[in-house]
Structures are given as structure tokens and as C-alpha cells.
Amino acid sequence: MVWSQVINEKTLDGFMICQKTYAYTINLRFINRNCVECGICEILCPKTAIKLVKDNKIQIDENKCVRCGICSYLCMFNALQIKYVSFDNIKKKEVEMKKIGGLPNLKSKITINYKKCNLCQTCEKVCPKEAISINENQLEIKDELCILCGWCSSTCPEGAITVDKLFQGSLLLKKNIDDNNEIQELISICPSKCLRYKDMDSNRIRNVKTKKILGKDSDNISWLNEFCIFCGACVKLKPEFIIEFKRTKINSDVPFLENKIWVEIKKKLLNR
């Protein structure tokens, strides 16, 4: 029997659950400011150890949690991070659990063609998460902030940025939302700013090459399909405004043989 100790402690920006053994440590970190309360982690947890709590965003029962890493695997906002720490010849090794294997590689990514980039800063201005900056005459993306919404790739005049999203899907909004406060609440929930007032005059909208809107708009709100990441935050927090929400695909390598965990992930997240 391997000795093991589990500690749940608060940090400056959330909390950390540490499982320590003689040979290794597993650190599960929650970063409060990154969480948008989309509920994907709660849906996926095979041990029902995660609960959404309004004030603290999420709580994890360290006694139920087995540190499997599924929650962090599909967290688009890097709010949940789990790392395996081991010591080899007194040298510390730290590896993200999602890179160890067991589940298909996700194909969601952002790619920059630096030869095409003219440092015009358009992408920096439109990014809803302030994940883009220009440093030492080079475009930089902060991976921990980027949510792969596609604003940067759609507004880039040189076509220097390519974004591959994690999910594909569709959304159907309630036809009539009359209360301005409720409209503002719904719009403010969206992390990728794809829900917005129909008459909104914005540089972001004017600069978009293809203003393709799929699905049904409400009378007051437009849904910009091109920038939706299908996180489900709007459905989780304001379900009364959403008639239909579906995730139809996870952008990943297709394994030759799908294991039970991957089948369960797709069952829980797709066609919702």
C-alpha cells in the first residue's frame, strides 16, 4: 500500500489540491479569475466531485476527486490545471496530465505566420481576453489567456493568424428578450463576445471579414457564430434565454479504438 496524503489549500487566486506520495505529487490547481462558470468540468467529472458554486465559482471535494485530469483536459479557459510532479535523481520533473496520454490529442490551437504579420496591432485591439501583445517587434500569444475565439484571425488584414477551435455547434436564442438589464447580463456572460446588441456599432464588427451569423437571432441580440466557442456559459447561467444549444464535434485526433472514457466524454458533451 502506497502512502498518500491529500491537501486542499487556498491560494491567492483560487485553491490547490495536492496528492503527495513517496514517489510523486499530483497538483490540481483552480484559478478563479479564469473561470467563466460554463460547467463543463462539473458535467465531465466521473466522480461527481465538482460543483458550481456562485460565490466561489467551483468547489472540488478532494475526497471524491481521484486527480484523473479529465476536468483540465477540456477546460478552455485554463481555470483548472493538473500536473504530475516526480523526482528523478533528485531532479524535479513536472508534466501536464493532458500530455501523458490516454485521451486523444486536441487539435484546438492558434497558429501565427510571422512572415505575414506586419505588427498592425489589429488583433491585439479586438482580443476579448487581452491575450495578444507585441513584444520586441514580435506578436505574442498568452496561451493561458487565449480561448481560441477567432476574433484575431477574422480581423487580421494579412491572414497571418489561423485558429482551430475546440468545439463546433449551434445556438438558438429566445425570440423576445425585452428587459435591458437581462440583455446586458446575457451579453456580459459570453467570454468570446459573440453575443451582442444588434445595433452595436463597433470597430470589432466593422473589421470582421465575414460577418456570418448562423442560427436564429433574437429581436435584440445577434449571435456571431464565427466567434462562439460553445463553452455553454450562457446556457448554464441564463438558460431561460436559450432555446437550443448543441455541441456537435470535438476537434481532436480520432483514435483507432475509442476507450470508454472518451466515449463517455462525447456522450456527455455532444448534442446537448
Protein backbone atom coordinates (compact mmCIF):
# COMPACT_ATOMS: atom_id res chain seq x y z
CA MET A 1 0.00 0.00 0.00
CA VAL A 2 1.45 3.37 -1.07
CA TRP A 3 1.40 6.16 1.49
CA SER A 4 -0.63 9.12 0.22
CA GLN A 5 -1.64 12.48 1.64
CA VAL A 6 -4.24 14.84 0.14
CA ILE A 7 -4.21 18.54 0.97
CA ASN A 8 -6.74 21.17 -0.16
CA GLU A 9 -5.41 24.67 0.41
CA LYS A 10 -6.39 28.17 -0.65
CA THR A 11 -4.15 30.18 -2.95
CA LEU A 12 -4.18 33.87 -3.84
CA ASP A 13 -6.24 33.18 -6.97
CA GLY A 14 -8.22 30.05 -6.07
CA PHE A 15 -7.15 26.78 -4.49
CA MET A 16 -4.77 23.84 -4.91
CA ILE A 17 -5.40 20.16 -4.21
CA CYS A 18 -2.17 18.23 -3.72
CA GLN A 19 -1.87 14.48 -3.54
CA LYS A 20 1.53 13.51 -2.19
CA THR A 21 3.17 10.10 -2.15
CA TYR A 22 6.75 8.98 -1.58
CA ALA A 23 7.39 8.87 -5.33
CA TYR A 24 5.36 11.69 -6.85
CA THR A 25 2.95 14.57 -6.32
CA ILE A 26 -0.18 15.48 -8.30
CA ASN A 27 -1.17 19.14 -8.15
CA LEU A 28 -4.68 20.19 -9.21
CA ARG A 29 -4.91 23.98 -9.34
CA PHE A 30 -8.03 26.11 -9.76
CA ILE A 31 -7.57 29.71 -10.95
CA ASN A 32 -10.68 31.67 -10.02
CA ARG A 33 -10.19 34.63 -12.36
CA ASN A 34 -10.05 32.35 -15.42
CA CYS A 35 -13.31 30.51 -14.69
CA VAL A 36 -16.47 31.58 -16.56
CA GLU A 37 -18.73 29.03 -14.83
CA CYS A 38 -19.51 27.16 -18.05
CA GLY A 39 -19.96 23.91 -16.11
CA ILE A 40 -18.04 21.60 -18.46
CA CYS A 41 -15.85 20.35 -15.61
CA GLU A 42 -18.92 19.58 -13.50
CA ILE A 43 -20.53 17.68 -16.39
CA LEU A 44 -17.41 15.62 -17.13
CA CYS A 45 -16.21 14.67 -13.64
CA PRO A 46 -16.62 10.85 -13.39
CA LYS A 47 -16.74 11.03 -9.58
CA THR A 48 -19.18 13.98 -9.28
CA ALA A 49 -16.52 15.73 -7.20
CA ILE A 50 -17.03 19.16 -8.81
CA LYS A 51 -19.88 21.54 -8.09
CA LEU A 52 -20.55 25.02 -9.40
CA VAL A 53 -20.98 27.44 -6.51
CA LYS A 54 -22.00 31.01 -7.31
CA ASP A 55 -19.64 32.87 -4.97
CA ASN A 56 -16.57 30.66 -5.36
CA LYS A 57 -17.35 29.52 -8.93
CA ILE A 58 -16.47 25.85 -8.29
CA GLN A 59 -15.79 23.56 -5.37
CA ILE A 60 -13.96 20.24 -5.55
CA ASP A 61 -14.40 17.51 -2.95
CA GLU A 62 -10.83 16.30 -2.51
CA ASN A 63 -12.07 13.02 -1.03
CA LYS A 64 -14.12 12.20 -4.13
CA CYS A 65 -11.61 13.58 -6.64
CA VAL A 66 -9.16 10.97 -8.00
CA ARG A 67 -6.97 13.51 -9.87
CA CYS A 68 -7.74 11.89 -13.24
CA GLY A 69 -7.29 15.19 -15.10
CA ILE A 70 -10.43 14.99 -17.25
CA CYS A 71 -11.66 18.36 -15.94
CA SER A 72 -8.50 20.17 -17.03
CA TYR A 73 -8.32 18.28 -20.34
CA LEU A 74 -11.30 20.16 -21.76
CA CYS A 75 -11.14 23.40 -19.77
CA MET A 76 -10.87 26.08 -22.47
CA PHE A 77 -10.01 28.81 -20.00
CA ASN A 78 -7.09 27.19 -18.17
CA ALA A 79 -9.03 27.60 -14.94
CA LEU A 80 -8.20 24.01 -13.99
CA GLN A 81 -4.62 22.82 -14.34
CA ILE A 82 -3.32 19.47 -13.18
CA LYS A 83 0.35 18.47 -13.17
CA TYR A 84 2.24 15.32 -12.31
CA VAL A 85 5.44 16.06 -10.41
CA SER A 86 8.12 13.40 -9.95
CA PHE A 87 11.76 13.32 -8.92
CA ASP A 88 14.38 11.51 -10.97
CA ASN A 89 17.85 11.53 -9.44
CA ILE A 90 16.76 14.48 -7.26
CA LYS A 91 15.79 16.37 -10.42
CA LYS A 92 12.23 17.65 -10.43
CA LYS A 93 10.06 16.74 -13.42
CA GLU A 94 6.72 18.46 -13.97
CA VAL A 95 4.35 17.27 -16.70
CA GLU A 96 0.82 18.37 -17.55
CA MET A 97 -1.50 15.40 -17.12
CA LYS A 98 -3.14 16.01 -20.52
CA LYS A 99 0.23 15.38 -22.20
CA ILE A 100 0.77 11.99 -20.58
CA GLY A 101 -1.73 10.19 -22.83
CA GLY A 102 -4.85 8.09 -22.50
CA LEU A 103 -7.08 10.52 -24.41
CA PRO A 104 -6.89 11.83 -27.99
CA ASN A 105 -4.79 14.90 -28.69
CA LEU A 106 -6.92 18.01 -29.03
CA LYS A 107 -6.43 19.85 -32.32
CA SER A 108 -7.54 23.21 -30.96
CA LYS A 109 -4.73 25.70 -31.44
CA ILE A 110 -3.70 29.12 -32.72
CA THR A 111 -1.03 29.43 -35.41
CA ILE A 112 0.82 32.60 -36.43
CA ASN A 113 2.62 33.13 -39.72
CA TYR A 114 5.24 35.63 -38.59
CA LYS A 115 6.34 36.30 -42.17
CA LYS A 116 2.88 37.67 -42.98
CA CYS A 117 2.40 39.63 -39.74
CA ASN A 118 3.02 43.38 -40.16
CA LEU A 119 2.52 44.20 -36.44
CA CYS A 120 -0.53 46.37 -37.16
CA GLN A 121 -1.95 45.52 -33.69
CA THR A 122 -5.48 44.93 -35.00
CA CYS A 123 -5.59 41.51 -33.35
CA GLU A 124 -4.38 42.96 -30.06
CA LYS A 125 -7.20 45.52 -30.06
CA VAL A 126 -10.02 43.06 -30.77
CA CYS A 127 -8.97 40.22 -28.44
CA PRO A 128 -11.68 39.89 -25.74
CA LYS A 129 -9.25 38.30 -23.25
CA GLU A 130 -6.23 40.60 -23.78
CA ALA A 131 -4.20 37.52 -24.69
CA ILE A 132 -2.26 39.21 -27.51
CA SER A 133 0.62 41.65 -27.21
CA ILE A 134 3.52 42.99 -29.25
CA ASN A 135 6.89 42.48 -27.57
CA GLU A 136 10.27 43.23 -29.12
CA ASN A 137 8.70 43.60 -32.58
CA GLN A 138 7.00 40.21 -32.43
CA LEU A 139 3.43 39.10 -31.87
CA GLU A 140 2.98 37.07 -28.69
CA ILE A 141 0.02 34.96 -27.57
CA LYS A 142 -0.50 34.19 -23.89
CA ASP A 143 -1.69 30.59 -24.09
CA GLU A 144 -3.11 30.69 -20.58
CA LEU A 145 -5.49 33.51 -21.61
CA CYS A 146 -6.31 32.63 -25.23
CA ILE A 147 -9.74 30.98 -25.63
CA LEU A 148 -9.45 30.38 -29.40
CA CYS A 149 -12.48 32.53 -30.23
CA GLY A 150 -11.17 33.59 -33.66
CA TRP A 151 -11.54 37.39 -33.38
CA CYS A 152 -7.84 37.78 -34.21
CA SER A 153 -7.87 35.54 -37.29
CA SER A 154 -11.03 37.14 -38.70
CA THR A 155 -9.76 40.71 -38.34
CA CYS A 156 -6.14 40.16 -39.41
CA PRO A 157 -5.70 42.09 -42.71
CA GLU A 158 -2.78 39.87 -43.74
CA GLY A 159 -4.31 36.49 -42.92
CA ALA A 160 -1.39 35.79 -40.61
CA ILE A 161 -3.39 34.04 -37.87
CA THR A 162 -5.20 30.71 -38.03
CA VAL A 163 -7.43 29.46 -35.22
CA ASP A 164 -8.68 25.88 -34.82
CA LYS A 165 -11.46 25.76 -32.24
CA LEU A 166 -12.15 23.03 -29.71
CA PHE A 167 -15.89 22.67 -30.38
CA GLN A 168 -18.35 23.05 -33.23
CA GLY A 169 -22.06 23.54 -32.65
CA SER A 170 -25.16 25.70 -32.90
CA LEU A 171 -27.22 28.06 -30.76
CA LEU A 172 -30.83 29.24 -30.87
CA LEU A 173 -31.80 32.35 -28.89
CA LYS A 174 -35.17 33.21 -27.40
CA LYS A 175 -37.04 35.49 -29.80
CA ASN A 176 -38.06 38.24 -27.38
CA ILE A 177 -35.84 39.49 -24.57
CA ASP A 178 -37.30 42.85 -23.58
CA ASP A 179 -35.59 43.72 -20.30
CA ASN A 180 -32.40 45.71 -20.98
CA ASN A 181 -30.79 44.52 -17.75
CA GLU A 182 -31.39 40.90 -18.72
CA ILE A 183 -29.98 41.53 -22.18
CA GLN A 184 -26.86 43.09 -20.66
CA GLU A 185 -26.46 40.16 -18.27
CA LEU A 186 -26.62 37.65 -21.11
CA ILE A 187 -24.14 39.60 -23.23
CA SER A 188 -21.70 40.07 -20.33
CA ILE A 189 -21.66 36.31 -19.61
CA CYS A 190 -20.18 35.45 -23.02
CA PRO A 191 -16.35 35.18 -22.75
CA SER A 192 -15.82 35.45 -26.52
CA LYS A 193 -18.18 38.43 -27.00
CA CYS A 194 -20.15 36.61 -29.69
CA LEU A 195 -23.46 37.74 -28.17
CA ARG A 196 -24.05 41.45 -28.68
CA TYR A 197 -26.68 44.12 -29.29
CA LYS A 198 -27.93 44.07 -32.88
CA ASP A 199 -27.39 47.80 -33.33
CA MET A 200 -23.95 47.76 -31.69
CA ASP A 201 -21.52 49.95 -33.66
CA SER A 202 -18.08 48.55 -33.02
CA ASN A 203 -14.67 48.52 -34.65
CA ARG A 204 -14.63 44.80 -33.94
CA ILE A 205 -17.67 44.24 -36.15
CA ARG A 206 -16.54 46.60 -38.92
CA ASN A 207 -13.19 44.86 -39.19
CA VAL A 208 -14.58 41.33 -39.44
CA LYS A 209 -14.18 39.93 -42.93
CA THR A 210 -17.13 37.52 -42.83
CA LYS A 211 -19.99 38.54 -40.56
CA LYS A 212 -21.66 35.15 -40.91
CA ILE A 213 -24.48 34.69 -38.41
CA LEU A 214 -25.93 31.19 -38.26
CA GLY A 215 -28.85 30.07 -36.16
CA LYS A 216 -31.75 32.22 -35.01
CA ASP A 217 -31.17 35.70 -33.59
CA SER A 218 -33.44 37.30 -31.04
CA ASP A 219 -35.05 40.67 -31.74
CA ASN A 220 -32.38 42.44 -29.69
CA ILE A 221 -29.29 40.22 -29.77
CA SER A 222 -27.08 38.86 -32.54
CA TRP A 223 -25.17 35.62 -32.17
CA LEU A 224 -21.91 35.72 -34.12
CA ASN A 225 -21.34 32.04 -34.83
CA GLU A 226 -17.84 32.69 -36.10
CA PHE A 227 -16.64 33.67 -32.61
CA CYS A 228 -18.67 31.28 -30.44
CA ILE A 229 -16.54 28.71 -28.60
CA PHE A 230 -19.56 26.69 -27.42
CA CYS A 231 -18.50 26.76 -23.79
CA GLY A 232 -22.12 26.81 -22.62
CA ALA A 233 -21.73 29.61 -20.07
CA CYS A 234 -24.84 31.35 -21.43
CA VAL A 235 -26.88 28.16 -21.07
CA LYS A 236 -25.61 27.43 -17.58
CA LEU A 237 -26.18 30.91 -16.18
CA LYS A 238 -29.14 32.16 -18.25
CA PRO A 239 -31.00 29.06 -19.53
CA GLU A 240 -34.26 31.00 -19.84
CA PHE A 241 -32.82 32.91 -22.83
CA ILE A 242 -31.58 29.87 -24.76
CA ILE A 243 -33.99 27.70 -26.75
CA GLU A 244 -31.40 25.31 -28.13
CA PHE A 245 -27.67 24.76 -27.60
CA LYS A 246 -25.69 21.98 -29.26
CA ARG A 247 -22.09 20.89 -29.42
CA THR A 248 -21.71 18.69 -32.47
CA LYS A 249 -17.98 17.98 -32.60
CA ILE A 250 -14.80 17.97 -30.51
CA ASN A 251 -11.80 18.92 -32.62
CA SER A 252 -9.37 16.10 -31.83
CA ASP A 253 -7.37 13.26 -33.30
CA VAL A 254 -9.70 10.34 -33.98
CA PRO A 255 -8.36 7.26 -32.17
CA PHE A 256 -8.49 3.93 -33.96
CA LEU A 257 -10.12 2.39 -30.91
CA GLU A 258 -12.08 4.74 -28.65
CA ASN A 259 -11.66 3.96 -24.97
CA LYS A 260 -14.55 4.09 -22.52
CA ILE A 261 -13.51 7.46 -21.08
CA TRP A 262 -13.53 9.15 -24.49
CA VAL A 263 -16.91 7.63 -25.36
CA GLU A 264 -18.32 8.99 -22.08
CA ILE A 265 -16.85 12.46 -22.72
CA LYS A 266 -18.54 12.64 -26.12
CA LYS A 267 -21.80 11.30 -24.71
CA LYS A 268 -21.86 13.99 -22.01
CA LEU A 269 -20.79 16.97 -24.13
CA LEU A 270 -22.05 16.46 -27.67
CA ASN A 271 -25.61 17.00 -28.94
CA ARG A 272 -26.53 18.81 -25.75
